[in-house]
Amino acid sequence: MSLIEKIDEYKKVFKEKAPKNIQELMQQTTQALADSGITLKAPKENETMPLFSLPNHKGETVSLANLLEDGPVVITFYRGGWCPYCNFELREYQSSLEEIKSLGATLVAITPELPDASLSTSEKNELAFDVLSDVNAEYAKSLGLVFSLPDALKPIYLSFGIDVESHNGEGQFDLPLAATFVIAKDGTVASAFVDADYTARQEPSEVIKTLKAL
């Protein structure tokens, strides 16, 4: 089953269980975000990707400049270990990790979660690639990828057992869009997937196609 098929299956169950008024509100806020044009601000193909130096889930500093010395880099952003769509994506990329590495590329995930939370996410999903903690979503903000969780959704998330502040820090509700970039060895963006719909994700097979074409 593909990543998109797994997500669609989960969405079907969610629609059967979640109250319609909550579903409508979530859809409205997602549509409003899409209508804002936020995705237009993100890095685009052939542009130079801004560099980062971020701590991984083990407390080590990882820099894009150093990673690019070894070859292309795949960067995927995720909201947090509390997000089921993100977890589906992370596990799917883990399944594709060996093929990505065989093409000379490095895969990293970037999240606004604090290091302790990102470590939990990495362990829960048995990830063998670096999960980088972008505290306060500063790097994602520099890319134009960040939105703040709407106030109307905060109590709904809490009712689902999702305490964003416990993952990101007190008062921190900034989250990245669903986004995946393939960065060529020269630092330019070879492909960019950016979507305002938090349930949307790029299939790892598409990333692998891009890597094969480099």
C-alpha atoms as a PDB file:
ATOM      1  CA  MET A   1       0.000   0.000   0.000  1.00  0.00           C
ATOM      2  CA  SER A   2       1.383   3.427  -0.969  1.00  0.00           C
ATOM      3  CA  LEU A   3       1.746   6.353   1.430  1.00  0.00           C
ATOM      4  CA  ILE A   4      -1.219   8.144  -0.150  1.00  0.00           C
ATOM      5  CA  GLU A   5      -3.367   5.008   0.116  1.00  0.00           C
ATOM      6  CA  LYS A   6      -2.517   4.658   3.817  1.00  0.00           C
ATOM      7  CA  ILE A   7      -3.390   8.311   4.420  1.00  0.00           C
ATOM      8  CA  ASP A   8      -6.656   7.996   2.492  1.00  0.00           C
ATOM      9  CA  GLU A   9      -7.585   4.958   4.556  1.00  0.00           C
ATOM     10  CA  TYR A  10      -6.912   6.847   7.793  1.00  0.00           C
ATOM     11  CA  LYS A  11      -8.907   9.869   6.574  1.00  0.00           C
ATOM     12  CA  LYS A  12     -11.872   7.610   5.812  1.00  0.00           C
ATOM     13  CA  VAL A  13     -11.895   6.298   9.390  1.00  0.00           C
ATOM     14  CA  PHE A  14     -11.513   9.831  10.770  1.00  0.00           C
ATOM     15  CA  LYS A  15     -14.502  11.031   8.748  1.00  0.00           C
ATOM     16  CA  GLU A  16     -16.615   8.205  10.133  1.00  0.00           C
ATOM     17  CA  LYS A  17     -15.719   8.973  13.756  1.00  0.00           C
ATOM     18  CA  ALA A  18     -15.149  12.742  14.092  1.00  0.00           C
ATOM     19  CA  PRO A  19     -18.136  15.094  14.592  1.00  0.00           C
ATOM     20  CA  LYS A  20     -19.138  16.816  11.358  1.00  0.00           C
ATOM     21  CA  ASN A  21     -18.877  20.313  12.825  1.00  0.00           C
ATOM     22  CA  ILE A  22     -15.258  19.659  13.799  1.00  0.00           C
ATOM     23  CA  GLN A  23     -14.473  18.252  10.363  1.00  0.00           C
ATOM     24  CA  GLU A  24     -16.024  21.309   8.721  1.00  0.00           C
ATOM     25  CA  LEU A  25     -14.026  23.697  10.896  1.00  0.00           C
ATOM     26  CA  MET A  26     -10.781  21.879  10.146  1.00  0.00           C
ATOM     27  CA  GLN A  27     -11.542  21.950   6.429  1.00  0.00           C
ATOM     28  CA  GLN A  28     -12.362  25.667   6.587  1.00  0.00           C
ATOM     29  CA  THR A  29      -9.101  26.548   8.313  1.00  0.00           C
ATOM     30  CA  THR A  30      -7.118  24.449   5.835  1.00  0.00           C
ATOM     31  CA  GLN A  31      -8.854  26.151   2.915  1.00  0.00           C
ATOM     32  CA  ALA A  32      -8.209  29.589   4.429  1.00  0.00           C
ATOM     33  CA  LEU A  33      -4.519  28.737   4.719  1.00  0.00           C
ATOM     34  CA  ALA A  34      -4.405  27.601   1.100  1.00  0.00           C
ATOM     35  CA  ASP A  35      -6.237  30.758  -0.016  1.00  0.00           C
ATOM     36  CA  SER A  36      -3.656  32.915   1.801  1.00  0.00           C
ATOM     37  CA  GLY A  37      -1.072  32.033  -0.839  1.00  0.00           C
ATOM     38  CA  ILE A  38       1.429  30.856   1.748  1.00  0.00           C
ATOM     39  CA  THR A  39       2.786  28.107  -0.496  1.00  0.00           C
ATOM     40  CA  LEU A  40       3.966  30.718  -3.000  1.00  0.00           C
ATOM     41  CA  LYS A  41       6.594  31.928  -0.510  1.00  0.00           C
ATOM     42  CA  ALA A  42       8.406  28.580  -0.279  1.00  0.00           C
ATOM     43  CA  PRO A  43      11.678  27.784  -2.064  1.00  0.00           C
ATOM     44  CA  LYS A  44      11.169  26.766  -5.673  1.00  0.00           C
ATOM     45  CA  GLU A  45      13.002  24.567  -8.144  1.00  0.00           C
ATOM     46  CA  ASN A  46      16.394  25.918  -9.253  1.00  0.00           C
ATOM     47  CA  GLU A  47      16.584  28.346  -6.327  1.00  0.00           C
ATOM     48  CA  THR A  48      19.389  28.047  -3.793  1.00  0.00           C
ATOM     49  CA  MET A  49      18.212  26.422  -0.574  1.00  0.00           C
ATOM     50  CA  PRO A  50      19.049  28.492   2.540  1.00  0.00           C
ATOM     51  CA  LEU A  51      21.499  26.702   4.801  1.00  0.00           C
ATOM     52  CA  PHE A  52      20.744  25.393   8.285  1.00  0.00           C
ATOM     53  CA  SER A  53      22.600  24.148  11.349  1.00  0.00           C
ATOM     54  CA  LEU A  54      20.218  22.304  13.655  1.00  0.00           C
ATOM     55  CA  PRO A  55      20.505  19.763  16.487  1.00  0.00           C
ATOM     56  CA  ASN A  56      19.448  16.213  15.776  1.00  0.00           C
ATOM     57  CA  HIS A  57      17.507  13.980  18.160  1.00  0.00           C
ATOM     58  CA  LYS A  58      20.823  12.901  19.709  1.00  0.00           C
ATOM     59  CA  GLY A  59      21.958  16.457  20.429  1.00  0.00           C
ATOM     60  CA  GLU A  60      24.499  16.626  17.580  1.00  0.00           C
ATOM     61  CA  THR A  61      24.588  19.647  15.269  1.00  0.00           C
ATOM     62  CA  VAL A  62      23.814  18.864  11.634  1.00  0.00           C
ATOM     63  CA  SER A  63      24.420  21.416   8.887  1.00  0.00           C
ATOM     64  CA  LEU A  64      23.117  21.417   5.338  1.00  0.00           C
ATOM     65  CA  ALA A  65      26.510  22.615   4.081  1.00  0.00           C
ATOM     66  CA  ASN A  66      28.223  19.546   5.506  1.00  0.00           C
ATOM     67  CA  LEU A  67      25.545  17.171   4.246  1.00  0.00           C
ATOM     68  CA  LEU A  68      25.854  18.537   0.714  1.00  0.00           C
ATOM     69  CA  GLU A  69      29.551  17.686   0.671  1.00  0.00           C
ATOM     70  CA  ASP A  70      28.483  14.024   0.477  1.00  0.00           C
ATOM     71  CA  GLY A  71      25.809  14.445  -2.184  1.00  0.00           C
ATOM     72  CA  PRO A  72      22.125  15.430  -2.591  1.00  0.00           C
ATOM     73  CA  VAL A  73      19.945  15.966   0.473  1.00  0.00           C
ATOM     74  CA  VAL A  74      16.261  15.162   0.956  1.00  0.00           C
ATOM     75  CA  ILE A  75      14.570  17.404   3.529  1.00  0.00           C
ATOM     76  CA  THR A  76      11.076  16.657   4.755  1.00  0.00           C
ATOM     77  CA  PHE A  77       9.245  18.819   7.282  1.00  0.00           C
ATOM     78  CA  TYR A  78       6.777  17.390   9.784  1.00  0.00           C
ATOM     79  CA  ARG A  79       4.527  18.993  12.379  1.00  0.00           C
ATOM     80  CA  GLY A  80       5.141  16.628  15.280  1.00  0.00           C
ATOM     81  CA  GLY A  81       4.974  13.079  16.555  1.00  0.00           C
ATOM     82  CA  TRP A  82       1.340  13.766  17.502  1.00  0.00           C
ATOM     83  CA  CYS A  83       0.392  14.088  13.804  1.00  0.00           C
ATOM     84  CA  PRO A  84      -0.719  10.737  12.318  1.00  0.00           C
ATOM     85  CA  TYR A  85      -0.124  11.921   8.747  1.00  0.00           C
ATOM     86  CA  CYS A  86       3.441  12.884   9.655  1.00  0.00           C
ATOM     87  CA  ASN A  87       4.038   9.483  11.236  1.00  0.00           C
ATOM     88  CA  PHE A  88       2.758   7.691   8.142  1.00  0.00           C
ATOM     89  CA  GLU A  89       5.176   9.781   6.084  1.00  0.00           C
ATOM     90  CA  LEU A  90       8.176   9.242   8.369  1.00  0.00           C
ATOM     91  CA  ARG A  91       7.693   5.481   8.402  1.00  0.00           C
ATOM     92  CA  GLU A  92       7.329   5.413   4.618  1.00  0.00           C
ATOM     93  CA  TYR A  93      10.565   7.348   4.191  1.00  0.00           C
ATOM     94  CA  GLN A  94      12.246   4.949   6.590  1.00  0.00           C
ATOM     95  CA  SER A  95      11.126   2.098   4.315  1.00  0.00           C
ATOM     96  CA  SER A  96      12.719   3.922   1.353  1.00  0.00           C
ATOM     97  CA  LEU A  97      15.872   4.972   3.207  1.00  0.00           C
ATOM     98  CA  GLU A  98      18.201   2.329   1.770  1.00  0.00           C
ATOM     99  CA  GLU A  99      17.233   3.199  -1.801  1.00  0.00           C
ATOM    100  CA  ILE A 100      17.680   6.906  -1.089  1.00  0.00           C
ATOM    101  CA  LYS A 101      21.139   6.210   0.371  1.00  0.00           C
ATOM    102  CA  SER A 102      22.039   3.966  -2.566  1.00  0.00           C
ATOM    103  CA  LEU A 103      21.549   7.001  -4.812  1.00  0.00           C
ATOM    104  CA  GLY A 104      24.142   8.914  -2.781  1.00  0.00           C
ATOM    105  CA  ALA A 105      21.631  11.073  -0.941  1.00  0.00           C
ATOM    106  CA  THR A 106      21.067  11.894   2.720  1.00  0.00           C
ATOM    107  CA  LEU A 107      17.587  12.124   4.240  1.00  0.00           C
ATOM    108  CA  VAL A 108      16.718  14.394   7.167  1.00  0.00           C
ATOM    109  CA  ALA A 109      13.419  15.371   8.778  1.00  0.00           C
ATOM    110  CA  ILE A 110      12.904  18.806  10.341  1.00  0.00           C
ATOM    111  CA  THR A 111      10.340  19.535  13.052  1.00  0.00           C
ATOM    112  CA  PRO A 112       9.501  22.353  15.484  1.00  0.00           C
ATOM    113  CA  GLU A 113       9.413  19.748  18.260  1.00  0.00           C
ATOM    114  CA  LEU A 114      11.878  20.188  21.102  1.00  0.00           C
ATOM    115  CA  PRO A 115      14.781  17.676  21.088  1.00  0.00           C
ATOM    116  CA  ASP A 116      13.214  15.396  23.723  1.00  0.00           C
ATOM    117  CA  ALA A 117      10.001  15.191  21.727  1.00  0.00           C
ATOM    118  CA  SER A 118      11.812  14.641  18.427  1.00  0.00           C
ATOM    119  CA  LEU A 119      13.786  11.830  20.072  1.00  0.00           C
ATOM    120  CA  SER A 120      10.492  10.198  21.110  1.00  0.00           C
ATOM    121  CA  THR A 121       9.182  10.540  17.551  1.00  0.00           C
ATOM    122  CA  SER A 122      12.357   9.004  16.144  1.00  0.00           C
ATOM    123  CA  GLU A 123      12.244   6.071  18.557  1.00  0.00           C
ATOM    124  CA  LYS A 124       8.506   5.484  18.112  1.00  0.00           C
ATOM    125  CA  ASN A 125       8.866   5.259  14.333  1.00  0.00           C
ATOM    126  CA  GLU A 126      12.230   3.419  14.488  1.00  0.00           C
ATOM    127  CA  LEU A 127      13.888   5.988  12.249  1.00  0.00           C
ATOM    128  CA  ALA A 128      17.465   5.488  11.086  1.00  0.00           C
ATOM    129  CA  PHE A 129      17.815   9.010   9.676  1.00  0.00           C
ATOM    130  CA  ASP A 130      18.345  12.311  11.489  1.00  0.00           C
ATOM    131  CA  VAL A 131      15.376  14.139  12.956  1.00  0.00           C
ATOM    132  CA  LEU A 132      16.354  17.796  13.403  1.00  0.00           C
ATOM    133  CA  SER A 133      14.806  20.099  15.973  1.00  0.00           C
ATOM    134  CA  ASP A 134      13.927  23.512  14.548  1.00  0.00           C
ATOM    135  CA  VAL A 135      13.059  25.248  17.826  1.00  0.00           C
ATOM    136  CA  ASN A 136      10.382  27.942  17.401  1.00  0.00           C
ATOM    137  CA  ALA A 137      10.294  26.873  13.713  1.00  0.00           C
ATOM    138  CA  GLU A 138      12.926  29.525  12.967  1.00  0.00           C
ATOM    139  CA  TYR A 139      14.412  27.785   9.928  1.00  0.00           C
ATOM    140  CA  ALA A 140      10.989  26.895   8.530  1.00  0.00           C
ATOM    141  CA  LYS A 141       9.971  30.549   9.006  1.00  0.00           C
ATOM    142  CA  SER A 142      12.964  31.664   6.948  1.00  0.00           C
ATOM    143  CA  LEU A 143      11.628  29.483   4.123  1.00  0.00           C
ATOM    144  CA  GLY A 144       8.099  30.905   4.348  1.00  0.00           C
ATOM    145  CA  LEU A 145       6.678  27.542   5.408  1.00  0.00           C
ATOM    146  CA  VAL A 146       5.187  28.430   8.794  1.00  0.00           C
ATOM    147  CA  PHE A 147       1.643  29.086   9.943  1.00  0.00           C
ATOM    148  CA  SER A 148       0.260  29.339  13.462  1.00  0.00           C
ATOM    149  CA  LEU A 149      -2.355  26.852  14.642  1.00  0.00           C
ATOM    150  CA  PRO A 150      -5.642  28.828  14.608  1.00  0.00           C
ATOM    151  CA  ASP A 151      -7.145  29.576  18.027  1.00  0.00           C
ATOM    152  CA  ALA A 152     -10.366  27.831  16.981  1.00  0.00           C
ATOM    153  CA  LEU A 153      -8.462  24.555  16.565  1.00  0.00           C
ATOM    154  CA  LYS A 154      -6.490  24.609  19.819  1.00  0.00           C
ATOM    155  CA  PRO A 155      -9.320  23.234  22.035  1.00  0.00           C
ATOM    156  CA  ILE A 156     -10.168  20.685  19.343  1.00  0.00           C
ATOM    157  CA  TYR A 157      -6.591  19.435  19.295  1.00  0.00           C
ATOM    158  CA  LEU A 158      -6.619  19.215  23.087  1.00  0.00           C
ATOM    159  CA  SER A 159      -9.839  17.189  22.903  1.00  0.00           C
ATOM    160  CA  PHE A 160      -7.930  14.778  20.639  1.00  0.00           C
ATOM    161  CA  GLY A 161      -5.226  14.510  23.289  1.00  0.00           C
ATOM    162  CA  ILE A 162      -2.814  16.723  21.335  1.00  0.00           C
ATOM    163  CA  ASP A 163      -0.953  19.260  23.472  1.00  0.00           C
ATOM    164  CA  VAL A 164       1.169  21.134  20.934  1.00  0.00           C
ATOM    165  CA  GLU A 165       2.925  23.198  23.618  1.00  0.00           C
ATOM    166  CA  SER A 166       4.219  20.076  25.338  1.00  0.00           C
ATOM    167  CA  HIS A 167       5.995  19.204  22.093  1.00  0.00           C
ATOM    168  CA  ASN A 168       7.072  22.647  20.868  1.00  0.00           C
ATOM    169  CA  GLY A 169       7.465  24.686  24.055  1.00  0.00           C
ATOM    170  CA  GLU A 170       5.228  27.046  25.983  1.00  0.00           C
ATOM    171  CA  GLY A 171       3.290  29.419  23.750  1.00  0.00           C
ATOM    172  CA  GLN A 172       4.654  27.804  20.589  1.00  0.00           C
ATOM    173  CA  PHE A 173       1.919  26.941  18.084  1.00  0.00           C
ATOM    174  CA  ASP A 174       3.871  27.626  14.883  1.00  0.00           C
ATOM    175  CA  LEU A 175       3.861  24.654  12.519  1.00  0.00           C
ATOM    176  CA  PRO A 176       5.415  23.947   9.120  1.00  0.00           C
ATOM    177  CA  LEU A 177       3.436  23.172   6.009  1.00  0.00           C
ATOM    178  CA  ALA A 178       3.627  19.696   4.544  1.00  0.00           C
ATOM    179  CA  ALA A 179       6.842  20.089   2.556  1.00  0.00           C
ATOM    180  CA  THR A 180       9.599  17.954   1.053  1.00  0.00           C
ATOM    181  CA  PHE A 181      12.614  19.217  -0.895  1.00  0.00           C
ATOM    182  CA  VAL A 182      15.326  17.461  -2.839  1.00  0.00           C
ATOM    183  CA  ILE A 183      18.494  19.556  -2.782  1.00  0.00           C
ATOM    184  CA  ALA A 184      21.121  18.905  -5.435  1.00  0.00           C
ATOM    185  CA  LYS A 185      24.784  18.719  -4.438  1.00  0.00           C
ATOM    186  CA  ASP A 186      25.317  22.317  -5.626  1.00  0.00           C
ATOM    187  CA  GLY A 187      22.715  23.522  -3.090  1.00  0.00           C
ATOM    188  CA  THR A 188      19.906  24.231  -5.537  1.00  0.00           C
ATOM    189  CA  VAL A 189      16.380  22.900  -5.191  1.00  0.00           C
ATOM    190  CA  ALA A 190      15.902  19.969  -7.569  1.00  0.00           C
ATOM    191  CA  SER A 191      12.271  19.430  -6.548  1.00  0.00           C
ATOM    192  CA  ALA A 192       9.850  21.080  -4.149  1.00  0.00           C
ATOM    193  CA  PHE A 193       6.610  19.671  -2.747  1.00  0.00           C
ATOM    194  CA  VAL A 194       4.685  22.172  -0.611  1.00  0.00           C
ATOM    195  CA  ASP A 195       1.009  21.897   0.341  1.00  0.00           C
ATOM    196  CA  ALA A 196      -1.230  23.855   2.697  1.00  0.00           C
ATOM    197  CA  ASP A 197      -3.253  20.691   3.315  1.00  0.00           C
ATOM    198  CA  TYR A 198      -1.647  19.004   6.323  1.00  0.00           C
ATOM    199  CA  THR A 199      -2.923  15.613   5.144  1.00  0.00           C
ATOM    200  CA  ALA A 200      -1.035  15.875   1.835  1.00  0.00           C
ATOM    201  CA  ARG A 201       2.377  14.238   1.480  1.00  0.00           C
ATOM    202  CA  GLN A 202       4.789  13.416  -1.325  1.00  0.00           C
ATOM    203  CA  GLU A 203       5.347   9.769  -2.108  1.00  0.00           C
ATOM    204  CA  PRO A 204       8.976   8.717  -1.499  1.00  0.00           C
ATOM    205  CA  SER A 205       8.910   7.162  -4.968  1.00  0.00           C
ATOM    206  CA  GLU A 206       8.645  10.697  -6.421  1.00  0.00           C
ATOM    207  CA  VAL A 207      11.691  11.778  -4.423  1.00  0.00           C
ATOM    208  CA  ILE A 208      13.583   8.739  -5.695  1.00  0.00           C
ATOM    209  CA  LYS A 209      12.684   9.643  -9.306  1.00  0.00           C
ATOM    210  CA  THR A 210      14.174  13.091  -8.762  1.00  0.00           C
ATOM    211  CA  LEU A 211      17.346  11.649  -7.245  1.00  0.00           C
ATOM    212  CA  LYS A 212      17.763   9.264 -10.167  1.00  0.00           C
ATOM    213  CA  ALA A 213      17.501  12.200 -12.577  1.00  0.00           C
ATOM    214  CA  LEU A 214      20.266  14.207 -10.884  1.00  0.00           C
END
